[in-house]
């Protein structure tokens, strides 16, 4: 199963993806990322280095969320949590890359809520949330 990892790191003006060690991360299933990717593409974020501003999630590399982009990312994830809270215990979703897949509500909510918790931590401590794509 491909996955996306998230981690909070200290802010540095020259922060680059290569210097980050991805240990002790929060993991989100790639299929749920693919399902939500259109909404994640509304976020202005930095790709691979903190000064390379782009739009959306860097699917195959690193994405840096900080300041306003972190607030937007958290808001979008919170919206998805509100939607998934109404799902049955097991539900099917499809995306543009794959046919329907069965998801467990509890796992999806745990993954998203864990990333939201990292967003809160990064905002409180003025740090950066880093995403590592597949």
N, C-alpha and C. Protein backbone atom coordinates (compact mmCIF):
# COMPACT_ATOMS: atom_id res chain seq x y z
N UNK A 1 0.84 -1.18 0.00
CA UNK A 1 0.00 0.00 0.00
C UNK A 1 0.89 1.25 0.00
N UNK A 2 0.82 2.06 -1.03
CA UNK A 2 1.55 3.34 -1.00
C UNK A 2 0.99 4.23 0.11
N UNK A 3 1.85 5.06 0.65
CA UNK A 3 1.43 5.90 1.77
C UNK A 3 2.09 7.27 1.69
N UNK A 4 1.54 8.19 2.45
CA UNK A 4 2.06 9.54 2.59
C UNK A 4 2.39 9.76 4.05
N UNK A 5 3.57 10.30 4.33
CA UNK A 5 4.00 10.52 5.70
C UNK A 5 4.00 12.01 6.02
N UNK A 6 3.73 12.33 7.28
CA UNK A 6 3.69 13.71 7.75
C UNK A 6 4.50 13.82 9.03
N UNK A 7 5.19 14.95 9.16
CA UNK A 7 6.04 15.17 10.33
C UNK A 7 6.19 16.67 10.56
N UNK A 8 6.30 17.07 11.82
CA UNK A 8 6.54 18.47 12.19
C UNK A 8 8.04 18.66 12.40
N UNK A 9 8.57 19.74 11.81
CA UNK A 9 9.99 20.07 11.95
C UNK A 9 10.13 21.56 12.25
N UNK A 10 11.26 21.98 12.84
CA UNK A 10 11.48 23.40 13.08
C UNK A 10 11.57 24.18 11.77
N UNK A 11 11.10 25.43 11.79
CA UNK A 11 11.19 26.30 10.62
C UNK A 11 12.62 26.78 10.46
N UNK A 12 13.10 26.75 9.21
CA UNK A 12 14.38 27.36 8.83
C UNK A 12 14.17 28.02 7.47
N UNK A 13 14.75 29.19 7.27
CA UNK A 13 14.56 29.92 6.01
C UNK A 13 15.08 29.15 4.81
N UNK A 14 16.03 28.24 5.04
CA UNK A 14 16.60 27.47 3.92
C UNK A 14 16.28 25.97 4.04
N UNK A 15 15.18 25.66 4.70
CA UNK A 15 14.79 24.26 4.90
C UNK A 15 14.60 23.56 3.57
N UNK A 16 15.20 22.39 3.44
CA UNK A 16 15.02 21.60 2.22
C UNK A 16 14.64 20.18 2.58
N UNK A 17 13.99 19.55 1.64
CA UNK A 17 13.45 18.21 1.82
C UNK A 17 14.54 17.18 2.12
N UNK A 18 15.70 17.34 1.51
CA UNK A 18 16.77 16.36 1.64
C UNK A 18 17.30 16.22 3.07
N UNK A 19 17.16 17.27 3.87
CA UNK A 19 17.73 17.23 5.22
C UNK A 19 16.79 16.64 6.27
N UNK A 20 15.59 16.28 5.89
CA UNK A 20 14.61 15.79 6.86
C UNK A 20 14.65 14.27 6.93
N UNK A 21 14.72 13.77 8.15
CA UNK A 21 14.68 12.32 8.38
C UNK A 21 13.24 11.94 8.71
N UNK A 22 12.70 11.04 7.92
CA UNK A 22 11.29 10.67 8.11
C UNK A 22 11.16 9.46 9.02
N UNK A 23 11.39 9.74 10.31
CA UNK A 23 11.13 8.76 11.36
C UNK A 23 10.02 9.34 12.22
N UNK A 24 9.33 8.49 12.91
CA UNK A 24 8.24 8.92 13.79
C UNK A 24 7.26 9.84 13.05
N UNK A 25 6.65 9.30 12.03
CA UNK A 25 5.72 10.07 11.20
C UNK A 25 4.29 9.58 11.41
N UNK A 26 3.37 10.39 10.95
CA UNK A 26 1.96 10.01 10.83
C UNK A 26 1.76 9.60 9.38
N UNK A 27 1.12 8.46 9.16
CA UNK A 27 0.95 7.91 7.82
C UNK A 27 -0.51 7.96 7.40
N UNK A 28 -0.73 8.32 6.12
CA UNK A 28 -2.07 8.33 5.54
C UNK A 28 -2.04 7.48 4.27
N UNK A 29 -3.02 6.63 4.12
CA UNK A 29 -3.16 5.75 2.96
C UNK A 29 -3.25 6.57 1.67
N UNK A 30 -2.50 6.17 0.66
CA UNK A 30 -2.49 6.87 -0.62
C UNK A 30 -3.88 6.96 -1.25
N UNK A 31 -4.68 5.93 -1.12
CA UNK A 31 -6.00 5.93 -1.75
C UNK A 31 -6.90 7.03 -1.20
N UNK A 32 -6.80 7.32 0.09
CA UNK A 32 -7.63 8.39 0.65
C UNK A 32 -7.07 9.76 0.25
N UNK A 33 -5.76 9.86 0.11
CA UNK A 33 -5.16 11.09 -0.41
C UNK A 33 -5.64 11.33 -1.84
N UNK A 34 -5.63 10.28 -2.67
CA UNK A 34 -6.09 10.43 -4.05
C UNK A 34 -7.55 10.86 -4.10
N UNK A 35 -8.36 10.35 -3.20
CA UNK A 35 -9.77 10.73 -3.18
C UNK A 35 -9.95 12.22 -2.85
N UNK A 36 -9.09 12.75 -2.00
CA UNK A 36 -9.22 14.14 -1.54
C UNK A 36 -8.30 15.10 -2.29
N UNK A 37 -7.52 14.63 -3.24
CA UNK A 37 -6.45 15.42 -3.86
C UNK A 37 -6.95 16.71 -4.51
N UNK A 38 -8.12 16.70 -5.11
CA UNK A 38 -8.60 17.93 -5.76
C UNK A 38 -8.73 19.07 -4.75
N UNK A 39 -9.19 18.77 -3.55
CA UNK A 39 -9.33 19.82 -2.54
C UNK A 39 -7.97 20.21 -1.97
N UNK A 40 -7.04 19.28 -1.91
CA UNK A 40 -5.70 19.60 -1.42
C UNK A 40 -4.94 20.48 -2.42
N UNK A 41 -5.37 20.46 -3.67
CA UNK A 41 -4.74 21.30 -4.69
C UNK A 41 -5.17 22.76 -4.60
N UNK A 42 -5.99 23.11 -3.62
CA UNK A 42 -6.37 24.50 -3.39
C UNK A 42 -5.36 25.24 -2.50
N UNK A 43 -4.38 24.51 -1.98
CA UNK A 43 -3.46 25.06 -0.99
C UNK A 43 -2.18 25.56 -1.66
N UNK A 44 -1.75 26.76 -1.32
CA UNK A 44 -0.44 27.25 -1.73
C UNK A 44 0.57 26.72 -0.71
N UNK A 45 1.53 25.95 -1.17
CA UNK A 45 2.51 25.34 -0.28
C UNK A 45 3.86 25.30 -0.98
N UNK A 46 4.89 25.01 -0.23
CA UNK A 46 6.24 24.93 -0.79
C UNK A 46 6.57 23.47 -1.13
N UNK A 47 7.23 23.30 -2.26
CA UNK A 47 7.61 21.95 -2.71
C UNK A 47 9.12 21.78 -2.65
N UNK A 48 9.56 20.75 -1.96
CA UNK A 48 10.96 20.30 -1.89
C UNK A 48 11.91 21.25 -1.19
N UNK A 49 11.63 22.54 -1.16
CA UNK A 49 12.36 23.49 -0.33
C UNK A 49 11.39 24.58 0.10
N UNK A 50 11.65 25.17 1.22
CA UNK A 50 10.71 26.11 1.83
C UNK A 50 10.46 27.35 0.98
N UNK A 51 11.36 27.64 0.05
CA UNK A 51 11.21 28.84 -0.77
C UNK A 51 10.67 28.57 -2.17
N UNK A 52 10.23 27.35 -2.45
CA UNK A 52 9.70 26.98 -3.77
C UNK A 52 8.18 26.87 -3.71
N UNK A 53 7.50 28.01 -3.77
CA UNK A 53 6.04 28.02 -3.64
C UNK A 53 5.36 27.46 -4.88
N UNK A 54 4.41 26.59 -4.64
CA UNK A 54 3.62 25.93 -5.68
C UNK A 54 2.17 25.88 -5.20
N UNK A 55 1.35 25.13 -5.91
CA UNK A 55 -0.03 24.93 -5.50
C UNK A 55 -0.28 23.44 -5.34
N UNK A 56 -0.85 23.06 -4.21
CA UNK A 56 -1.24 21.68 -3.99
C UNK A 56 -0.20 20.85 -3.27
N UNK A 57 -0.51 19.59 -3.20
CA UNK A 57 0.33 18.59 -2.54
C UNK A 57 1.32 18.04 -3.55
N UNK A 58 2.59 18.00 -3.20
CA UNK A 58 3.60 17.39 -4.06
C UNK A 58 3.47 15.88 -3.91
N UNK A 59 2.74 15.27 -4.81
CA UNK A 59 2.37 13.86 -4.71
C UNK A 59 3.59 12.93 -4.64
N UNK A 60 4.65 13.25 -5.38
CA UNK A 60 5.82 12.37 -5.43
C UNK A 60 7.01 12.89 -4.65
N UNK A 61 6.89 14.01 -3.97
CA UNK A 61 8.02 14.58 -3.26
C UNK A 61 7.60 15.19 -1.94
N UNK A 62 8.29 16.25 -1.56
CA UNK A 62 8.03 16.89 -0.29
C UNK A 62 7.19 18.14 -0.42
N UNK A 63 6.31 18.34 0.55
CA UNK A 63 5.48 19.54 0.63
C UNK A 63 5.67 20.13 2.02
N UNK A 64 5.86 21.46 2.07
CA UNK A 64 6.01 22.17 3.33
C UNK A 64 4.77 23.03 3.57
N UNK A 65 4.11 22.80 4.69
CA UNK A 65 2.96 23.60 5.10
C UNK A 65 3.36 24.42 6.32
N UNK A 66 3.19 25.73 6.23
CA UNK A 66 3.47 26.60 7.37
C UNK A 66 2.64 27.86 7.21
N UNK A 67 2.42 28.53 8.31
CA UNK A 67 1.67 29.78 8.31
C UNK A 67 0.29 29.59 7.67
N UNK A 68 -0.06 30.42 6.69
CA UNK A 68 -1.40 30.36 6.09
C UNK A 68 -1.68 29.03 5.40
N UNK A 69 -0.68 28.43 4.77
CA UNK A 69 -0.93 27.15 4.09
C UNK A 69 -1.28 26.06 5.10
N UNK A 70 -0.70 26.14 6.27
CA UNK A 70 -1.00 25.17 7.33
C UNK A 70 -2.43 25.33 7.84
N UNK A 71 -2.87 26.57 7.98
CA UNK A 71 -4.25 26.85 8.40
C UNK A 71 -5.23 26.31 7.36
N UNK A 72 -4.94 26.54 6.09
CA UNK A 72 -5.81 26.06 5.01
C UNK A 72 -5.84 24.53 4.97
N UNK A 73 -4.67 23.92 5.07
CA UNK A 73 -4.57 22.45 5.06
C UNK A 73 -5.39 21.85 6.21
N UNK A 74 -5.23 22.40 7.39
CA UNK A 74 -6.00 21.91 8.54
C UNK A 74 -7.49 22.08 8.31
N UNK A 75 -7.89 23.20 7.77
CA UNK A 75 -9.31 23.46 7.51
C UNK A 75 -9.90 22.45 6.53
N UNK A 76 -9.18 22.16 5.48
CA UNK A 76 -9.66 21.18 4.49
C UNK A 76 -9.76 19.79 5.12
N UNK A 77 -8.74 19.38 5.86
CA UNK A 77 -8.79 18.07 6.51
C UNK A 77 -9.93 17.99 7.51
N UNK A 78 -10.17 19.07 8.24
CA UNK A 78 -11.27 19.10 9.21
C UNK A 78 -12.61 18.94 8.50
N UNK A 79 -12.73 19.55 7.33
CA UNK A 79 -13.95 19.38 6.53
C UNK A 79 -14.15 17.93 6.12
N UNK A 80 -13.07 17.27 5.69
CA UNK A 80 -13.18 15.85 5.32
C UNK A 80 -13.55 14.99 6.53
N UNK A 81 -13.00 15.31 7.69
CA UNK A 81 -13.36 14.55 8.90
C UNK A 81 -14.86 14.69 9.16
N UNK A 82 -15.38 15.91 9.02
CA UNK A 82 -16.82 16.12 9.22
C UNK A 82 -17.66 15.27 8.26
N UNK A 83 -17.20 15.13 7.04
CA UNK A 83 -17.91 14.29 6.06
C UNK A 83 -17.79 12.81 6.42
N UNK A 84 -16.56 12.36 6.68
CA UNK A 84 -16.35 10.93 6.95
C UNK A 84 -16.99 10.47 8.26
N UNK A 85 -17.24 11.38 9.18
CA UNK A 85 -17.94 11.02 10.42
C UNK A 85 -19.34 10.49 10.13
N UNK A 86 -19.92 10.83 8.99
CA UNK A 86 -21.26 10.38 8.63
C UNK A 86 -21.26 9.08 7.83
N UNK A 87 -20.08 8.56 7.53
CA UNK A 87 -19.99 7.32 6.75
C UNK A 87 -20.38 6.12 7.60
N UNK A 88 -20.70 5.04 6.93
CA UNK A 88 -20.91 3.78 7.63
C UNK A 88 -19.55 3.27 8.12
N UNK A 89 -19.56 2.25 8.94
CA UNK A 89 -18.30 1.74 9.51
C UNK A 89 -17.33 1.28 8.42
N UNK A 90 -17.84 0.77 7.33
CA UNK A 90 -17.05 0.46 6.14
C UNK A 90 -17.74 1.11 4.96
N UNK A 91 -16.95 1.76 4.09
CA UNK A 91 -17.54 2.45 2.94
C UNK A 91 -16.59 2.35 1.76
N UNK A 92 -17.17 2.51 0.57
CA UNK A 92 -16.39 2.43 -0.66
C UNK A 92 -16.24 3.82 -1.28
N UNK A 93 -15.04 4.07 -1.82
CA UNK A 93 -14.76 5.29 -2.56
C UNK A 93 -13.97 4.93 -3.80
N UNK A 94 -14.12 5.72 -4.83
CA UNK A 94 -13.33 5.55 -6.05
C UNK A 94 -12.61 6.86 -6.32
N UNK A 95 -11.51 6.78 -7.05
CA UNK A 95 -10.80 7.99 -7.46
C UNK A 95 -10.44 7.86 -8.93
N UNK A 96 -9.82 8.88 -9.47
CA UNK A 96 -9.51 8.88 -10.90
C UNK A 96 -8.44 7.87 -11.28
N UNK A 97 -7.70 7.36 -10.32
CA UNK A 97 -6.60 6.44 -10.60
C UNK A 97 -6.99 4.97 -10.44
N UNK A 98 -7.98 4.69 -9.58
CA UNK A 98 -8.31 3.31 -9.27
C UNK A 98 -9.82 3.13 -9.11
N UNK A 99 -10.29 1.89 -9.27
CA UNK A 99 -11.71 1.62 -9.02
C UNK A 99 -12.03 1.70 -7.53
N UNK A 100 -13.23 1.39 -7.19
CA UNK A 100 -13.67 1.46 -5.79
C UNK A 100 -12.75 0.70 -4.86
N UNK A 101 -12.58 1.26 -3.67
CA UNK A 101 -11.82 0.61 -2.61
C UNK A 101 -12.63 0.72 -1.33
N UNK A 102 -12.55 -0.33 -0.52
CA UNK A 102 -13.24 -0.35 0.76
C UNK A 102 -12.36 0.31 1.82
N UNK A 103 -12.95 1.23 2.57
CA UNK A 103 -12.26 1.91 3.67
C UNK A 103 -12.97 1.61 4.97
N UNK A 104 -12.21 1.62 6.04
CA UNK A 104 -12.77 1.52 7.38
C UNK A 104 -12.83 2.93 7.97
N UNK A 105 -14.02 3.33 8.37
CA UNK A 105 -14.25 4.68 8.88
C UNK A 105 -13.29 5.03 10.01
N UNK A 106 -13.11 4.14 10.95
CA UNK A 106 -12.26 4.40 12.12
C UNK A 106 -10.82 4.71 11.70
N UNK A 107 -10.30 3.97 10.74
CA UNK A 107 -8.92 4.17 10.30
C UNK A 107 -8.77 5.51 9.58
N UNK A 108 -9.70 5.83 8.69
CA UNK A 108 -9.64 7.10 7.96
C UNK A 108 -9.70 8.26 8.95
N UNK A 109 -10.62 8.20 9.91
CA UNK A 109 -10.73 9.28 10.89
C UNK A 109 -9.47 9.38 11.75
N UNK A 110 -8.91 8.24 12.16
CA UNK A 110 -7.68 8.27 12.95
C UNK A 110 -6.53 8.90 12.17
N UNK A 111 -6.39 8.54 10.89
CA UNK A 111 -5.31 9.09 10.08
C UNK A 111 -5.47 10.60 9.92
N UNK A 112 -6.65 11.06 9.53
CA UNK A 112 -6.86 12.49 9.33
C UNK A 112 -6.74 13.26 10.64
N UNK A 113 -7.32 12.73 11.73
CA UNK A 113 -7.23 13.42 13.01
C UNK A 113 -5.79 13.49 13.52
N UNK A 114 -4.98 12.49 13.21
CA UNK A 114 -3.57 12.53 13.59
C UNK A 114 -2.83 13.63 12.84
N UNK A 115 -3.14 13.81 11.56
CA UNK A 115 -2.51 14.89 10.79
C UNK A 115 -3.01 16.25 11.30
N UNK A 116 -4.29 16.35 11.63
CA UNK A 116 -4.83 17.59 12.20
C UNK A 116 -4.11 17.93 13.51
N UNK A 117 -3.84 16.92 14.31
CA UNK A 117 -3.09 17.13 15.55
C UNK A 117 -1.69 17.69 15.25
N UNK A 118 -1.04 17.15 14.21
CA UNK A 118 0.27 17.68 13.81
C UNK A 118 0.15 19.13 13.35
N UNK A 119 -0.93 19.45 12.64
CA UNK A 119 -1.17 20.84 12.22
C UNK A 119 -1.25 21.75 13.44
N UNK A 120 -2.00 21.33 14.45
CA UNK A 120 -2.14 22.12 15.68
C UNK A 120 -0.79 22.32 16.35
N UNK A 121 0.00 21.25 16.41
CA UNK A 121 1.34 21.32 17.01
C UNK A 121 2.22 22.32 16.24
N UNK A 122 2.23 22.22 14.93
CA UNK A 122 3.05 23.11 14.11
C UNK A 122 2.60 24.56 14.26
N UNK A 123 1.31 24.79 14.28
CA UNK A 123 0.80 26.16 14.44
C UNK A 123 1.16 26.74 15.81
N UNK A 124 0.98 25.95 16.84
CA UNK A 124 1.25 26.41 18.21
C UNK A 124 2.73 26.73 18.40
N UNK A 125 3.60 25.89 17.83
CA UNK A 125 5.04 26.04 18.04
C UNK A 125 5.74 26.79 16.90
N UNK A 126 4.94 27.31 15.94
CA UNK A 126 5.48 28.03 14.78
C UNK A 126 6.51 27.17 14.03
N UNK A 127 6.11 25.95 13.74
CA UNK A 127 6.95 25.01 13.03
C UNK A 127 6.34 24.71 11.66
N UNK A 128 6.92 23.75 10.98
CA UNK A 128 6.51 23.39 9.62
C UNK A 128 5.99 21.95 9.64
N UNK A 129 4.88 21.73 8.96
CA UNK A 129 4.40 20.36 8.73
C UNK A 129 4.93 19.94 7.38
N UNK A 130 5.66 18.83 7.36
CA UNK A 130 6.24 18.32 6.12
C UNK A 130 5.49 17.07 5.67
N UNK A 131 5.16 17.05 4.40
CA UNK A 131 4.51 15.88 3.78
C UNK A 131 5.55 15.22 2.88
N UNK A 132 5.62 13.91 2.98
CA UNK A 132 6.49 13.11 2.11
C UNK A 132 5.61 12.23 1.25
N UNK A 133 5.58 12.50 -0.05
CA UNK A 133 4.71 11.76 -0.98
C UNK A 133 5.22 10.36 -1.24
N UNK A 134 4.49 9.67 -2.12
CA UNK A 134 4.83 8.27 -2.40
C UNK A 134 6.12 8.16 -3.19
